[in-house]
Amino acid sequence: MEGNSHSEPAIPAKNLFRIGEVSRLTSTKPFVLRYWETEFPMLQPVKSPKGHRLYRRQDIETVFLIKRLLYDEGFTIAGARRHLREQNGSDGAATPEAHVGQPSLTLNRKTLLDLRDSLRSFLTLLEGE
């Protein structure tokens, strides 16, 4: 793919975007965006009363960053997650307000993601023998 970091379109002047809009803006399929939500704790769009995902401007910027790390810089999902976590601090969330009232949920998710990465590494080692 070409370097997306230099050709990112301007984000329209509004606060909330539906997944289809984000998909078009970032040239990323909606199923990929939903998958990234499960892999990157810092990407957590809010939900409308009807259950629709509503991405904030900051979420769109995070999508652009994830896309650049994965597609342009060759990071793995785990490597990109670690990189973003290190950039944003030790809690792994770029938006602390997204987890108000749920600090243990965030900590548990981070711990589980780290554990999963470690187990995958061990599995890879075992399969290589």
C-alpha atoms as a PDB file:
ATOM      1  CA  MET A   1       0.000   0.000   0.000  1.00  0.00           C
ATOM      2  CA  GLU A   2       1.027   3.575  -0.443  1.00  0.00           C
ATOM      3  CA  GLY A   3       2.012   5.771   2.491  1.00  0.00           C
ATOM      4  CA  ASN A   4      -1.299   6.749   4.031  1.00  0.00           C
ATOM      5  CA  SER A   5       0.264   9.123   6.520  1.00  0.00           C
ATOM      6  CA  HIS A   6       0.726  11.781   3.835  1.00  0.00           C
ATOM      7  CA  SER A   7      -2.631  11.353   2.097  1.00  0.00           C
ATOM      8  CA  GLU A   8      -5.050  11.238   5.020  1.00  0.00           C
ATOM      9  CA  PRO A   9      -8.175  13.206   4.129  1.00  0.00           C
ATOM     10  CA  ALA A  10      -9.277  16.059   6.350  1.00  0.00           C
ATOM     11  CA  ILE A  11     -11.797  14.965   8.947  1.00  0.00           C
ATOM     12  CA  PRO A  12     -15.090  16.876   8.463  1.00  0.00           C
ATOM     13  CA  ALA A  13     -15.966  19.473  11.091  1.00  0.00           C
ATOM     14  CA  LYS A  14     -18.367  17.472  13.235  1.00  0.00           C
ATOM     15  CA  ASN A  15     -18.014  15.505  16.453  1.00  0.00           C
ATOM     16  CA  LEU A  16     -19.506  12.051  15.810  1.00  0.00           C
ATOM     17  CA  PHE A  17     -19.299   9.748  12.792  1.00  0.00           C
ATOM     18  CA  ARG A  18     -21.044   6.475  11.988  1.00  0.00           C
ATOM     19  CA  ILE A  19     -18.987   3.434  11.001  1.00  0.00           C
ATOM     20  CA  GLY A  20     -19.773   3.856   7.290  1.00  0.00           C
ATOM     21  CA  GLU A  21     -18.429   7.402   7.327  1.00  0.00           C
ATOM     22  CA  VAL A  22     -15.283   6.291   9.141  1.00  0.00           C
ATOM     23  CA  SER A  23     -14.888   3.447   6.680  1.00  0.00           C
ATOM     24  CA  ARG A  24     -14.990   5.857   3.730  1.00  0.00           C
ATOM     25  CA  LEU A  25     -12.750   8.464   5.403  1.00  0.00           C
ATOM     26  CA  THR A  26     -10.064   5.949   6.338  1.00  0.00           C
ATOM     27  CA  SER A  27     -10.477   3.576   3.360  1.00  0.00           C
ATOM     28  CA  THR A  28     -10.939   0.734   5.829  1.00  0.00           C
ATOM     29  CA  LYS A  29     -13.721  -1.867   5.658  1.00  0.00           C
ATOM     30  CA  PRO A  30     -16.306  -1.746   8.477  1.00  0.00           C
ATOM     31  CA  PHE A  31     -15.521  -5.338   9.539  1.00  0.00           C
ATOM     32  CA  VAL A  32     -11.864  -4.339   9.943  1.00  0.00           C
ATOM     33  CA  LEU A  33     -12.870  -1.394  12.145  1.00  0.00           C
ATOM     34  CA  ARG A  34     -15.024  -3.690  14.306  1.00  0.00           C
ATOM     35  CA  TYR A  35     -12.130  -6.170  14.580  1.00  0.00           C
ATOM     36  CA  TRP A  36      -9.695  -3.426  15.551  1.00  0.00           C
ATOM     37  CA  GLU A  37     -12.082  -2.401  18.337  1.00  0.00           C
ATOM     38  CA  THR A  38     -11.551  -5.858  19.865  1.00  0.00           C
ATOM     39  CA  GLU A  39      -7.767  -5.699  19.474  1.00  0.00           C
ATOM     40  CA  PHE A  40      -7.036  -2.090  20.451  1.00  0.00           C
ATOM     41  CA  PRO A  41      -8.532  -1.012  23.807  1.00  0.00           C
ATOM     42  CA  MET A  42      -7.855   2.642  22.974  1.00  0.00           C
ATOM     43  CA  LEU A  43     -10.310   2.434  20.047  1.00  0.00           C
ATOM     44  CA  GLN A  44     -13.713   2.488  21.697  1.00  0.00           C
ATOM     45  CA  PRO A  45     -16.456   4.352  19.862  1.00  0.00           C
ATOM     46  CA  VAL A  46     -19.477   5.324  21.906  1.00  0.00           C
ATOM     47  CA  LYS A  47     -22.819   3.657  21.242  1.00  0.00           C
ATOM     48  CA  SER A  48     -25.992   5.517  20.318  1.00  0.00           C
ATOM     49  CA  PRO A  49     -29.221   4.635  22.143  1.00  0.00           C
ATOM     50  CA  LYS A  50     -30.020   2.366  19.176  1.00  0.00           C
ATOM     51  CA  GLY A  51     -26.646   0.610  19.498  1.00  0.00           C
ATOM     52  CA  HIS A  52     -24.920   2.228  16.501  1.00  0.00           C
ATOM     53  CA  ARG A  53     -21.200   2.894  16.801  1.00  0.00           C
ATOM     54  CA  LEU A  54     -20.373   6.579  16.916  1.00  0.00           C
ATOM     55  CA  TYR A  55     -16.717   7.390  16.391  1.00  0.00           C
ATOM     56  CA  ARG A  56     -15.257  10.609  17.766  1.00  0.00           C
ATOM     57  CA  ARG A  57     -12.632  12.633  15.903  1.00  0.00           C
ATOM     58  CA  GLN A  58      -9.993  11.177  18.238  1.00  0.00           C
ATOM     59  CA  ASP A  59     -11.146   7.645  17.303  1.00  0.00           C
ATOM     60  CA  ILE A  60     -10.702   8.453  13.613  1.00  0.00           C
ATOM     61  CA  GLU A  61      -7.191   9.737  14.275  1.00  0.00           C
ATOM     62  CA  THR A  62      -6.495   6.488  16.157  1.00  0.00           C
ATOM     63  CA  VAL A  63      -7.766   4.472  13.169  1.00  0.00           C
ATOM     64  CA  PHE A  64      -5.389   6.373  10.872  1.00  0.00           C
ATOM     65  CA  LEU A  65      -2.532   5.670  13.289  1.00  0.00           C
ATOM     66  CA  ILE A  66      -3.372   1.949  13.592  1.00  0.00           C
ATOM     67  CA  LYS A  67      -3.637   1.674   9.814  1.00  0.00           C
ATOM     68  CA  ARG A  68      -0.248   3.366   9.341  1.00  0.00           C
ATOM     69  CA  LEU A  69       1.408   1.112  11.916  1.00  0.00           C
ATOM     70  CA  LEU A  70      -0.041  -2.082  10.433  1.00  0.00           C
ATOM     71  CA  TYR A  71       0.077  -1.371   6.709  1.00  0.00           C
ATOM     72  CA  ASP A  72       2.900   1.132   6.231  1.00  0.00           C
ATOM     73  CA  GLU A  73       5.299   0.270   9.037  1.00  0.00           C
ATOM     74  CA  GLY A  74       4.713  -3.490   9.099  1.00  0.00           C
ATOM     75  CA  PHE A  75       3.747  -3.856  12.769  1.00  0.00           C
ATOM     76  CA  THR A  76       1.855  -6.931  13.901  1.00  0.00           C
ATOM     77  CA  ILE A  77      -1.429  -6.398  15.753  1.00  0.00           C
ATOM     78  CA  ALA A  78       0.300  -7.157  19.058  1.00  0.00           C
ATOM     79  CA  GLY A  79       3.246  -4.916  18.209  1.00  0.00           C
ATOM     80  CA  ALA A  80       1.003  -2.022  17.184  1.00  0.00           C
ATOM     81  CA  ARG A  81      -1.067  -2.445  20.360  1.00  0.00           C
ATOM     82  CA  ARG A  82       2.105  -2.385  22.472  1.00  0.00           C
ATOM     83  CA  HIS A  83       3.401   0.662  20.586  1.00  0.00           C
ATOM     84  CA  LEU A  84       0.140   2.565  21.121  1.00  0.00           C
ATOM     85  CA  ARG A  85       0.000   1.528  24.769  1.00  0.00           C
ATOM     86  CA  GLU A  86       3.526   2.856  25.318  1.00  0.00           C
ATOM     87  CA  GLN A  87       2.644   6.101  23.531  1.00  0.00           C
ATOM     88  CA  ASN A  88      -0.521   6.659  25.553  1.00  0.00           C
ATOM     89  CA  GLY A  89       0.741   5.636  28.969  1.00  0.00           C
ATOM     90  CA  SER A  90       0.542   2.502  31.035  1.00  0.00           C
ATOM     91  CA  ASP A  91      -3.262   2.114  31.140  1.00  0.00           C
ATOM     92  CA  GLY A  92      -3.557   1.443  27.389  1.00  0.00           C
ATOM     93  CA  ALA A  93      -6.416   3.877  26.916  1.00  0.00           C
ATOM     94  CA  ALA A  94      -6.071   7.103  24.984  1.00  0.00           C
ATOM     95  CA  THR A  95      -9.336   8.349  26.448  1.00  0.00           C
ATOM     96  CA  PRO A  96      -9.573   7.785  30.195  1.00  0.00           C
ATOM     97  CA  GLU A  97     -13.120   9.167  30.229  1.00  0.00           C
ATOM     98  CA  ALA A  98     -14.226   6.169  28.176  1.00  0.00           C
ATOM     99  CA  HIS A  99     -13.576   3.981  31.209  1.00  0.00           C
ATOM    100  CA  VAL A 100     -15.000   6.089  34.032  1.00  0.00           C
ATOM    101  CA  GLY A 101     -16.668   3.716  36.444  1.00  0.00           C
ATOM    102  CA  GLN A 102     -14.949   0.710  34.818  1.00  0.00           C
ATOM    103  CA  PRO A 103     -11.283   0.832  35.881  1.00  0.00           C
ATOM    104  CA  SER A 104     -11.115  -2.875  36.679  1.00  0.00           C
ATOM    105  CA  LEU A 105     -12.623  -3.779  33.288  1.00  0.00           C
ATOM    106  CA  THR A 106      -9.853  -1.851  31.516  1.00  0.00           C
ATOM    107  CA  LEU A 107      -7.159  -3.438  33.655  1.00  0.00           C
ATOM    108  CA  ASN A 108      -8.573  -6.927  33.106  1.00  0.00           C
ATOM    109  CA  ARG A 109      -8.790  -6.440  29.330  1.00  0.00           C
ATOM    110  CA  LYS A 110      -5.199  -5.197  29.181  1.00  0.00           C
ATOM    111  CA  THR A 111      -4.003  -8.115  31.285  1.00  0.00           C
ATOM    112  CA  LEU A 112      -5.887 -10.601  29.130  1.00  0.00           C
ATOM    113  CA  LEU A 113      -4.517  -9.114  25.895  1.00  0.00           C
ATOM    114  CA  ASP A 114      -0.968  -9.324  27.261  1.00  0.00           C
ATOM    115  CA  LEU A 115      -1.555 -12.895  28.398  1.00  0.00           C
ATOM    116  CA  ARG A 116      -2.946 -13.836  24.986  1.00  0.00           C
ATOM    117  CA  ASP A 117       0.124 -12.373  23.265  1.00  0.00           C
ATOM    118  CA  SER A 118       2.427 -14.328  25.570  1.00  0.00           C
ATOM    119  CA  LEU A 119       0.543 -17.569  24.991  1.00  0.00           C
ATOM    120  CA  ARG A 120       0.672 -17.069  21.229  1.00  0.00           C
ATOM    121  CA  SER A 121       4.438 -16.584  21.463  1.00  0.00           C
ATOM    122  CA  PHE A 122       4.813 -19.813  23.458  1.00  0.00           C
ATOM    123  CA  LEU A 123       2.624 -21.676  20.945  1.00  0.00           C
ATOM    124  CA  THR A 124       4.783 -20.422  18.083  1.00  0.00           C
ATOM    125  CA  LEU A 125       7.904 -21.646  19.892  1.00  0.00           C
ATOM    126  CA  LEU A 126       6.363 -25.047  20.563  1.00  0.00           C
ATOM    127  CA  GLU A 127       5.200 -25.484  16.974  1.00  0.00           C
ATOM    128  CA  GLY A 128       8.721 -24.726  15.767  1.00  0.00           C
ATOM    129  CA  GLU A 129      10.200 -27.729  17.600  1.00  0.00           C
END
